[in-house]
Amino acid sequence: MTSQDAAAPRSTTAVLARALALGVAAGSRSSLGVAAPVLAGLVRPGGSGRSGHGPGPLARGAAILGVVGEVVGDKLPQTPSRLAPPGPVVRVASGAVGGVLVARHRTGPVGLVLAAAAGAAGGAVGTWGGAAWRRLAVGERPDWPGAVAEDVTALALAAWAVRG
């Protein structure tokens, strides 16, 4: 698949599924809503997306540092709950922005609005669903295995969402 094929319009359903998946990932790790599209080359200065070179090394480095920082910070005992303000708002907004970034070269204006809504809905699902998963996974055990499983799931969803 060429970069031109990747930027070609797709069915609205496929675009919305990817926006929703990226939103769920952003609900788990808020940095993924923007970082995944940046790392996939969907965002670049001038707004031309996948056509051309993609984001520069500074943008890619910042995206990687943001994700790594969040993944590490999530495991620290002093890290506040994702449900504490402004956590849910940031995660839902990150999902909405990610949905738009996934859809912007693949759909029209109505599709962009729907992708933002799908990303935001996914962000809400990832925020509260991820918190519920962690509570269920932990029980009497340490938190980190559930956190790592959530990281792997969020990264896999984000990778799928920004692929071709």
N, C-alpha and C. Protein backbone atom coordinates (compact mmCIF):
# COMPACT_ATOMS: atom_id res chain seq x y z
N MET A 1 0.85 -1.17 0.00
CA MET A 1 0.00 0.00 0.00
C MET A 1 0.89 1.23 0.00
N THR A 2 0.63 2.14 -0.90
CA THR A 2 1.41 3.37 -0.97
C THR A 2 0.83 4.40 -0.01
N SER A 3 1.59 5.48 0.20
CA SER A 3 1.07 6.52 1.08
C SER A 3 -0.16 7.18 0.48
N GLN A 4 -0.26 7.20 -0.85
CA GLN A 4 -1.46 7.75 -1.48
C GLN A 4 -2.67 6.85 -1.23
N ASP A 5 -2.46 5.53 -1.24
CA ASP A 5 -3.55 4.60 -0.93
C ASP A 5 -4.02 4.79 0.51
N ALA A 6 -3.07 5.02 1.42
CA ALA A 6 -3.42 5.17 2.83
C ALA A 6 -4.27 6.42 3.05
N ALA A 7 -4.07 7.43 2.22
CA ALA A 7 -4.82 8.66 2.39
C ALA A 7 -6.14 8.65 1.62
N ALA A 8 -6.40 7.59 0.87
CA ALA A 8 -7.62 7.51 0.06
C ALA A 8 -8.85 7.40 0.96
N PRO A 9 -10.00 7.91 0.49
CA PRO A 9 -11.22 7.79 1.27
C PRO A 9 -11.57 6.33 1.55
N ARG A 10 -12.16 6.09 2.69
CA ARG A 10 -12.58 4.76 3.10
C ARG A 10 -14.03 4.82 3.50
N SER A 11 -14.57 3.66 3.76
CA SER A 11 -15.96 3.65 4.22
C SER A 11 -16.04 4.36 5.57
N THR A 12 -17.14 5.04 5.77
CA THR A 12 -17.34 5.76 7.02
C THR A 12 -17.29 4.80 8.20
N THR A 13 -17.82 3.61 8.03
CA THR A 13 -17.82 2.63 9.11
C THR A 13 -16.40 2.26 9.52
N ALA A 14 -15.53 2.02 8.56
CA ALA A 14 -14.14 1.67 8.86
C ALA A 14 -13.44 2.82 9.57
N VAL A 15 -13.66 4.03 9.10
CA VAL A 15 -13.03 5.20 9.72
C VAL A 15 -13.54 5.37 11.15
N LEU A 16 -14.84 5.20 11.35
CA LEU A 16 -15.40 5.36 12.69
C LEU A 16 -14.92 4.26 13.63
N ALA A 17 -14.74 3.05 13.12
CA ALA A 17 -14.20 1.97 13.96
C ALA A 17 -12.79 2.30 14.43
N ARG A 18 -11.99 2.86 13.53
CA ARG A 18 -10.62 3.24 13.90
C ARG A 18 -10.63 4.42 14.88
N ALA A 19 -11.52 5.38 14.66
CA ALA A 19 -11.63 6.51 15.59
C ALA A 19 -12.06 6.04 16.97
N LEU A 20 -13.02 5.12 17.02
CA LEU A 20 -13.47 4.56 18.30
C LEU A 20 -12.34 3.82 18.99
N ALA A 21 -11.60 3.00 18.25
CA ALA A 21 -10.49 2.25 18.84
C ALA A 21 -9.42 3.19 19.39
N LEU A 22 -9.10 4.24 18.64
CA LEU A 22 -8.10 5.19 19.14
C LEU A 22 -8.62 5.91 20.37
N GLY A 23 -9.91 6.20 20.40
CA GLY A 23 -10.51 6.80 21.58
C GLY A 23 -10.40 5.91 22.80
N VAL A 24 -10.66 4.62 22.64
CA VAL A 24 -10.52 3.69 23.77
C VAL A 24 -9.07 3.69 24.25
N ALA A 25 -8.13 3.67 23.32
CA ALA A 25 -6.71 3.71 23.69
C ALA A 25 -6.39 5.00 24.44
N ALA A 26 -6.95 6.13 23.99
CA ALA A 26 -6.71 7.41 24.65
C ALA A 26 -7.36 7.45 26.03
N GLY A 27 -8.45 6.73 26.21
CA GLY A 27 -9.05 6.64 27.53
C GLY A 27 -8.17 5.89 28.51
N SER A 28 -7.38 4.96 28.00
CA SER A 28 -6.43 4.23 28.84
C SER A 28 -5.15 5.02 29.05
N ARG A 29 -4.61 5.57 27.97
CA ARG A 29 -3.38 6.36 28.01
C ARG A 29 -3.63 7.61 27.20
N SER A 30 -3.90 8.71 27.86
CA SER A 30 -4.37 9.93 27.19
C SER A 30 -3.44 10.43 26.10
N SER A 31 -2.17 10.19 26.23
CA SER A 31 -1.21 10.66 25.22
C SER A 31 -1.39 9.98 23.88
N LEU A 32 -1.98 8.80 23.85
CA LEU A 32 -2.10 8.04 22.60
C LEU A 32 -3.04 8.69 21.59
N GLY A 33 -3.99 9.48 22.02
CA GLY A 33 -4.92 10.11 21.09
C GLY A 33 -4.21 10.98 20.06
N VAL A 34 -3.15 11.65 20.46
CA VAL A 34 -2.37 12.48 19.55
C VAL A 34 -1.08 11.78 19.15
N ALA A 35 -0.44 11.09 20.08
CA ALA A 35 0.87 10.49 19.80
C ALA A 35 0.79 9.43 18.71
N ALA A 36 -0.23 8.58 18.72
CA ALA A 36 -0.31 7.52 17.71
C ALA A 36 -0.43 8.10 16.29
N PRO A 37 -1.31 9.08 16.05
CA PRO A 37 -1.34 9.68 14.71
C PRO A 37 -0.03 10.38 14.33
N VAL A 38 0.61 11.03 15.29
CA VAL A 38 1.90 11.67 15.00
C VAL A 38 2.92 10.63 14.59
N LEU A 39 3.03 9.56 15.36
CA LEU A 39 4.02 8.53 15.07
C LEU A 39 3.72 7.77 13.78
N ALA A 40 2.44 7.71 13.40
CA ALA A 40 2.06 7.03 12.16
C ALA A 40 2.20 7.94 10.94
N GLY A 41 2.55 9.20 11.16
CA GLY A 41 2.71 10.12 10.05
C GLY A 41 1.42 10.74 9.56
N LEU A 42 0.36 10.66 10.36
CA LEU A 42 -0.91 11.26 9.97
C LEU A 42 -0.94 12.76 10.21
N VAL A 43 0.03 13.26 10.97
CA VAL A 43 0.09 14.67 11.32
C VAL A 43 1.45 15.20 10.90
N ARG A 44 1.43 16.35 10.27
CA ARG A 44 2.69 17.01 9.96
C ARG A 44 2.44 18.49 9.75
N PRO A 45 3.47 19.29 9.89
CA PRO A 45 3.30 20.72 9.65
C PRO A 45 2.77 20.95 8.24
N GLY A 46 1.86 21.84 8.09
CA GLY A 46 1.25 22.11 6.79
C GLY A 46 -0.01 21.30 6.57
N GLY A 47 -0.27 20.32 7.44
CA GLY A 47 -1.52 19.58 7.42
C GLY A 47 -1.71 18.60 6.29
N SER A 48 -0.64 18.17 5.63
CA SER A 48 -0.83 17.28 4.48
C SER A 48 -0.83 15.81 4.85
N GLY A 49 -0.70 15.48 6.11
CA GLY A 49 -0.83 14.08 6.54
C GLY A 49 0.21 13.16 5.95
N ARG A 50 -0.22 11.98 5.52
CA ARG A 50 0.70 10.94 5.09
C ARG A 50 1.45 11.26 3.80
N SER A 51 0.97 12.18 3.00
CA SER A 51 1.72 12.52 1.80
C SER A 51 2.93 13.33 2.21
N GLY A 52 4.09 12.89 1.85
CA GLY A 52 5.30 13.60 2.22
C GLY A 52 6.04 12.89 3.32
N HIS A 53 6.73 13.67 4.12
CA HIS A 53 7.67 13.11 5.08
C HIS A 53 7.09 12.81 6.45
N GLY A 54 5.98 13.35 6.80
CA GLY A 54 5.43 13.14 8.12
C GLY A 54 6.06 14.08 9.13
N PRO A 55 5.78 13.87 10.40
CA PRO A 55 6.29 14.77 11.42
C PRO A 55 7.81 14.66 11.54
N GLY A 56 8.41 15.73 12.00
CA GLY A 56 9.86 15.74 12.17
C GLY A 56 10.28 14.99 13.42
N PRO A 57 11.59 14.90 13.61
CA PRO A 57 12.11 14.15 14.75
C PRO A 57 11.71 14.75 16.10
N LEU A 58 11.56 16.06 16.16
CA LEU A 58 11.15 16.68 17.42
C LEU A 58 9.73 16.26 17.80
N ALA A 59 8.82 16.29 16.83
CA ALA A 59 7.44 15.88 17.10
C ALA A 59 7.37 14.40 17.46
N ARG A 60 8.10 13.58 16.74
CA ARG A 60 8.11 12.14 17.05
C ARG A 60 8.71 11.89 18.43
N GLY A 61 9.81 12.57 18.73
CA GLY A 61 10.44 12.42 20.04
C GLY A 61 9.52 12.84 21.16
N ALA A 62 8.82 13.96 20.98
CA ALA A 62 7.88 14.42 22.00
C ALA A 62 6.74 13.43 22.18
N ALA A 63 6.25 12.86 21.08
CA ALA A 63 5.18 11.87 21.16
C ALA A 63 5.64 10.63 21.92
N ILE A 64 6.83 10.16 21.60
CA ILE A 64 7.37 8.98 22.28
C ILE A 64 7.57 9.27 23.76
N LEU A 65 8.17 10.41 24.09
CA LEU A 65 8.38 10.77 25.50
C LEU A 65 7.06 10.88 26.25
N GLY A 66 6.04 11.44 25.60
CA GLY A 66 4.74 11.55 26.24
C GLY A 66 4.15 10.20 26.59
N VAL A 67 4.22 9.28 25.64
CA VAL A 67 3.67 7.93 25.88
C VAL A 67 4.48 7.20 26.94
N VAL A 68 5.80 7.22 26.81
CA VAL A 68 6.66 6.53 27.79
C VAL A 68 6.47 7.13 29.18
N GLY A 69 6.42 8.45 29.26
CA GLY A 69 6.20 9.10 30.55
C GLY A 69 4.88 8.70 31.18
N GLU A 70 3.84 8.61 30.37
CA GLU A 70 2.54 8.22 30.91
C GLU A 70 2.52 6.76 31.32
N VAL A 71 3.12 5.90 30.52
CA VAL A 71 3.15 4.47 30.85
C VAL A 71 3.92 4.24 32.15
N VAL A 72 5.05 4.92 32.32
CA VAL A 72 5.83 4.78 33.55
C VAL A 72 5.10 5.44 34.72
N GLY A 73 4.62 6.67 34.51
CA GLY A 73 3.95 7.39 35.57
C GLY A 73 2.71 6.69 36.10
N ASP A 74 2.04 5.96 35.24
CA ASP A 74 0.84 5.23 35.64
C ASP A 74 1.12 4.18 36.71
N LYS A 75 2.34 3.69 36.74
CA LYS A 75 2.68 2.63 37.69
C LYS A 75 3.09 3.17 39.06
N LEU A 76 3.29 4.47 39.18
CA LEU A 76 3.75 5.06 40.43
C LEU A 76 2.60 5.21 41.42
N PRO A 77 2.85 4.90 42.69
CA PRO A 77 1.77 4.93 43.67
C PRO A 77 1.18 6.32 43.90
N GLN A 78 1.95 7.37 43.67
CA GLN A 78 1.44 8.72 43.91
C GLN A 78 0.63 9.28 42.74
N THR A 79 0.54 8.53 41.65
CA THR A 79 -0.23 9.00 40.49
C THR A 79 -1.72 9.00 40.82
N PRO A 80 -2.40 10.13 40.59
CA PRO A 80 -3.83 10.18 40.91
C PRO A 80 -4.65 9.29 39.97
N SER A 81 -5.83 8.98 40.39
CA SER A 81 -6.75 8.18 39.58
C SER A 81 -7.08 8.90 38.28
N ARG A 82 -7.24 8.13 37.22
CA ARG A 82 -7.66 8.71 35.94
C ARG A 82 -9.04 9.33 36.04
N LEU A 83 -9.80 8.95 37.07
CA LEU A 83 -11.15 9.46 37.24
C LEU A 83 -11.19 10.79 37.99
N ALA A 84 -10.04 11.21 38.56
CA ALA A 84 -9.97 12.50 39.25
C ALA A 84 -9.89 13.61 38.21
N PRO A 85 -10.64 14.71 38.42
CA PRO A 85 -10.57 15.82 37.46
C PRO A 85 -9.13 16.34 37.34
N PRO A 86 -8.70 16.72 36.18
CA PRO A 86 -9.41 16.81 34.91
C PRO A 86 -9.23 15.57 34.04
N GLY A 87 -8.80 14.45 34.62
CA GLY A 87 -8.48 13.25 33.87
C GLY A 87 -9.51 12.82 32.83
N PRO A 88 -10.77 12.63 33.21
CA PRO A 88 -11.75 12.18 32.22
C PRO A 88 -11.92 13.16 31.05
N VAL A 89 -11.92 14.45 31.34
CA VAL A 89 -12.09 15.44 30.27
C VAL A 89 -10.92 15.37 29.29
N VAL A 90 -9.71 15.28 29.83
CA VAL A 90 -8.51 15.21 28.97
C VAL A 90 -8.55 13.95 28.12
N ARG A 91 -8.93 12.83 28.69
CA ARG A 91 -8.95 11.56 27.96
C ARG A 91 -10.02 11.56 26.87
N VAL A 92 -11.19 12.08 27.17
CA VAL A 92 -12.26 12.16 26.17
C VAL A 92 -11.85 13.13 25.05
N ALA A 93 -11.27 14.26 25.41
CA ALA A 93 -10.81 15.22 24.40
C ALA A 93 -9.71 14.62 23.53
N SER A 94 -8.79 13.89 24.14
CA SER A 94 -7.72 13.23 23.38
C SER A 94 -8.31 12.22 22.40
N GLY A 95 -9.32 11.49 22.83
CA GLY A 95 -10.00 10.56 21.93
C GLY A 95 -10.66 11.27 20.76
N ALA A 96 -11.30 12.41 21.04
CA ALA A 96 -11.96 13.18 19.97
C ALA A 96 -10.94 13.72 18.97
N VAL A 97 -9.85 14.28 19.47
CA VAL A 97 -8.80 14.80 18.58
C VAL A 97 -8.21 13.66 17.76
N GLY A 98 -7.93 12.54 18.42
CA GLY A 98 -7.40 11.38 17.69
C GLY A 98 -8.35 10.90 16.61
N GLY A 99 -9.65 10.89 16.91
CA GLY A 99 -10.64 10.48 15.91
C GLY A 99 -10.59 11.37 14.68
N VAL A 100 -10.47 12.67 14.90
CA VAL A 100 -10.38 13.61 13.78
C VAL A 100 -9.09 13.38 12.99
N LEU A 101 -7.98 13.16 13.69
CA LEU A 101 -6.70 12.95 13.00
C LEU A 101 -6.71 11.68 12.16
N VAL A 102 -7.38 10.65 12.64
CA VAL A 102 -7.49 9.40 11.88
C VAL A 102 -8.37 9.61 10.64
N ALA A 103 -9.40 10.42 10.77
CA ALA A 103 -10.41 10.55 9.71
C ALA A 103 -10.15 11.67 8.72
N ARG A 104 -9.30 12.61 9.03
CA ARG A 104 -9.27 13.86 8.26
C ARG A 104 -8.92 13.72 6.79
N HIS A 105 -8.19 12.71 6.40
CA HIS A 105 -7.87 12.53 4.98
C HIS A 105 -8.69 11.40 4.36
N ARG A 106 -9.66 10.90 5.12
CA ARG A 106 -10.40 9.73 4.65
C ARG A 106 -11.89 9.94 4.58
N THR A 107 -12.36 11.12 4.94
CA THR A 107 -13.80 11.34 4.98
C THR A 107 -14.09 12.83 4.84
N GLY A 108 -15.34 13.15 4.65
CA GLY A 108 -15.75 14.54 4.51
C GLY A 108 -16.07 15.18 5.84
N PRO A 109 -16.65 16.38 5.82
CA PRO A 109 -16.93 17.12 7.05
C PRO A 109 -17.85 16.39 8.03
N VAL A 110 -18.89 15.75 7.52
CA VAL A 110 -19.79 15.01 8.41
C VAL A 110 -19.04 13.84 9.04
N GLY A 111 -18.22 13.16 8.25
CA GLY A 111 -17.42 12.06 8.78
C GLY A 111 -16.46 12.52 9.86
N LEU A 112 -15.91 13.73 9.72
CA LEU A 112 -15.01 14.26 10.75
C LEU A 112 -15.75 14.47 12.07
N VAL A 113 -16.95 15.01 11.98
CA VAL A 113 -17.75 15.22 13.19
C VAL A 113 -18.08 13.87 13.83
N LEU A 114 -18.48 12.91 13.01
CA LEU A 114 -18.78 11.57 13.53
C LEU A 114 -17.53 10.91 14.12
N ALA A 115 -16.38 11.10 13.49
CA ALA A 115 -15.13 10.53 14.00
C ALA A 115 -14.75 11.16 15.33
N ALA A 116 -14.96 12.47 15.46
CA ALA A 116 -14.70 13.13 16.75
C ALA A 116 -15.61 12.56 17.83
N ALA A 117 -16.88 12.37 17.49
CA ALA A 117 -17.83 11.80 18.45
C ALA A 117 -17.46 10.36 18.80
N ALA A 118 -17.06 9.57 17.80
CA ALA A 118 -16.65 8.19 18.06
C ALA A 118 -15.40 8.15 18.93
N GLY A 119 -14.44 9.02 18.63
CA GLY A 119 -13.23 9.08 19.43
C GLY A 119 -13.52 9.50 20.86
N ALA A 120 -14.40 10.48 21.03
CA ALA A 120 -14.78 10.92 22.38
C ALA A 120 -15.50 9.80 23.14
N ALA A 121 -16.42 9.11 22.46
CA ALA A 121 -17.12 7.99 23.10
C ALA A 121 -16.13 6.91 23.49
N GLY A 122 -15.18 6.61 22.60
CA GLY A 122 -14.15 5.64 22.92
C GLY A 122 -13.30 6.10 24.10
N GLY A 123 -13.02 7.40 24.16
CA GLY A 123 -12.27 7.94 25.30
C GLY A 123 -12.99 7.71 26.61
N ALA A 124 -14.31 7.89 26.60
CA ALA A 124 -15.10 7.65 27.82
C ALA A 124 -15.08 6.17 28.19
N VAL A 125 -15.24 5.30 27.18
CA VAL A 125 -15.20 3.86 27.43
C VAL A 125 -13.84 3.45 27.98
N GLY A 126 -12.78 3.95 27.37
CA GLY A 126 -11.43 3.62 27.84
C GLY A 126 -11.14 4.15 29.23
N THR A 127 -11.67 5.32 29.54
CA THR A 127 -11.43 5.92 30.86
C THR A 127 -12.10 5.10 31.95
N TRP A 128 -13.42 4.95 31.84
CA TRP A 128 -14.14 4.25 32.91
C TRP A 128 -14.00 2.73 32.79
N GLY A 129 -13.94 2.21 31.59
CA GLY A 129 -13.73 0.77 31.42
C GLY A 129 -12.36 0.34 31.88
N GLY A 130 -11.35 1.15 31.58
CA GLY A 130 -9.99 0.83 32.03
C GLY A 130 -9.87 0.87 33.55
N ALA A 131 -10.53 1.84 34.17
CA ALA A 131 -10.52 1.92 35.63
C ALA A 131 -11.20 0.69 36.24
N ALA A 132 -12.33 0.29 35.65
CA ALA A 132 -13.04 -0.91 36.14
C ALA A 132 -12.19 -2.16 35.95
N TRP A 133 -11.53 -2.28 34.79
CA TRP A 133 -10.65 -3.41 34.52
C TRP A 133 -9.56 -3.49 35.57
N ARG A 134 -8.93 -2.37 35.87
CA ARG A 134 -7.84 -2.37 36.85
C ARG A 134 -8.35 -2.80 38.22
N ARG A 135 -9.53 -2.32 38.62
CA ARG A 135 -10.09 -2.72 39.92
C ARG A 135 -10.33 -4.22 39.96
N LEU A 136 -10.90 -4.77 38.88
CA LEU A 136 -11.18 -6.21 38.83
C LEU A 136 -9.90 -7.03 38.75
N ALA A 137 -8.93 -6.56 37.99
CA ALA A 137 -7.70 -7.32 37.79
C ALA A 137 -6.83 -7.35 39.03
N VAL A 138 -6.91 -6.32 39.84
CA VAL A 138 -6.01 -6.22 40.99
C VAL A 138 -6.45 -7.11 42.13
N GLY A 139 -7.64 -6.91 42.64
CA GLY A 139 -8.09 -7.67 43.80
C GLY A 139 -7.09 -7.51 44.93
N GLU A 140 -6.52 -8.61 45.37
CA GLU A 140 -5.52 -8.61 46.45
C GLU A 140 -4.09 -8.62 45.91
N ARG A 141 -3.95 -8.57 44.61
CA ARG A 141 -2.63 -8.63 43.98
C ARG A 141 -2.06 -7.23 43.74
N PRO A 142 -0.77 -7.17 43.40
CA PRO A 142 -0.20 -5.87 43.03
C PRO A 142 -0.86 -5.33 41.76
N ASP A 143 -0.83 -4.02 41.60
CA ASP A 143 -1.50 -3.34 40.49
C ASP A 143 -0.77 -3.48 39.16
N TRP A 144 0.54 -3.63 39.18
CA TRP A 144 1.30 -3.51 37.94
C TRP A 144 0.97 -4.54 36.86
N PRO A 145 0.64 -5.81 37.16
CA PRO A 145 0.30 -6.71 36.04
C PRO A 145 -0.95 -6.24 35.26
N GLY A 146 -1.95 -5.76 35.97
CA GLY A 146 -3.14 -5.23 35.30
C GLY A 146 -2.81 -3.98 34.51
N ALA A 147 -1.92 -3.16 35.05
CA ALA A 147 -1.51 -1.94 34.35
C ALA A 147 -0.75 -2.27 33.08
N VAL A 148 0.13 -3.26 33.14
CA VAL A 148 0.88 -3.66 31.94
C VAL A 148 -0.06 -4.24 30.89
N ALA A 149 -1.02 -5.06 31.32
CA ALA A 149 -1.99 -5.61 30.37
C ALA A 149 -2.79 -4.48 29.72
N GLU A 150 -3.14 -3.48 30.50
CA GLU A 150 -3.86 -2.33 29.94
C GLU A 150 -2.98 -1.57 28.95
N ASP A 151 -1.69 -1.40 29.28
CA ASP A 151 -0.76 -0.74 28.36
C ASP A 151 -0.69 -1.47 27.02
N VAL A 152 -0.54 -2.78 27.08
CA VAL A 152 -0.43 -3.59 25.86
C VAL A 152 -1.70 -3.45 25.03
N THR A 153 -2.84 -3.53 25.68
CA THR A 153 -4.12 -3.39 24.97
C THR A 153 -4.26 -2.01 24.33
N ALA A 154 -3.94 -0.97 25.09
CA ALA A 154 -4.05 0.40 24.56
C ALA A 154 -3.10 0.62 23.39
N LEU A 155 -1.87 0.15 23.50
CA LEU A 155 -0.90 0.31 22.41
C LEU A 155 -1.34 -0.46 21.17
N ALA A 156 -1.88 -1.66 21.36
CA ALA A 156 -2.34 -2.46 20.22
C ALA A 156 -3.53 -1.78 19.53
N LEU A 157 -4.47 -1.28 20.31
CA LEU A 157 -5.62 -0.57 19.73
C LEU A 157 -5.17 0.67 18.96
N ALA A 158 -4.26 1.42 19.55
CA ALA A 158 -3.77 2.63 18.88
C ALA A 158 -3.04 2.29 17.59
N ALA A 159 -2.22 1.25 17.63
CA ALA A 159 -1.49 0.84 16.42
C ALA A 159 -2.46 0.43 15.32
N TRP A 160 -3.48 -0.33 15.67
CA TRP A 160 -4.47 -0.74 14.67
C TRP A 160 -5.22 0.47 14.12
N ALA A 161 -5.57 1.39 15.00
CA ALA A 161 -6.37 2.55 14.59
C ALA A 161 -5.67 3.43 13.56
N VAL A 162 -4.36 3.53 13.65
CA VAL A 162 -3.64 4.44 12.74
C VAL A 162 -3.02 3.72 11.55
N ARG A 163 -3.21 2.42 11.47
CA ARG A 163 -2.70 1.69 10.31
C ARG A 163 -3.56 1.94 9.10
N GLY A 164 -2.90 2.00 7.95
CA GLY A 164 -3.54 2.14 6.64
C GLY A 164 -4.95 2.28 6.62
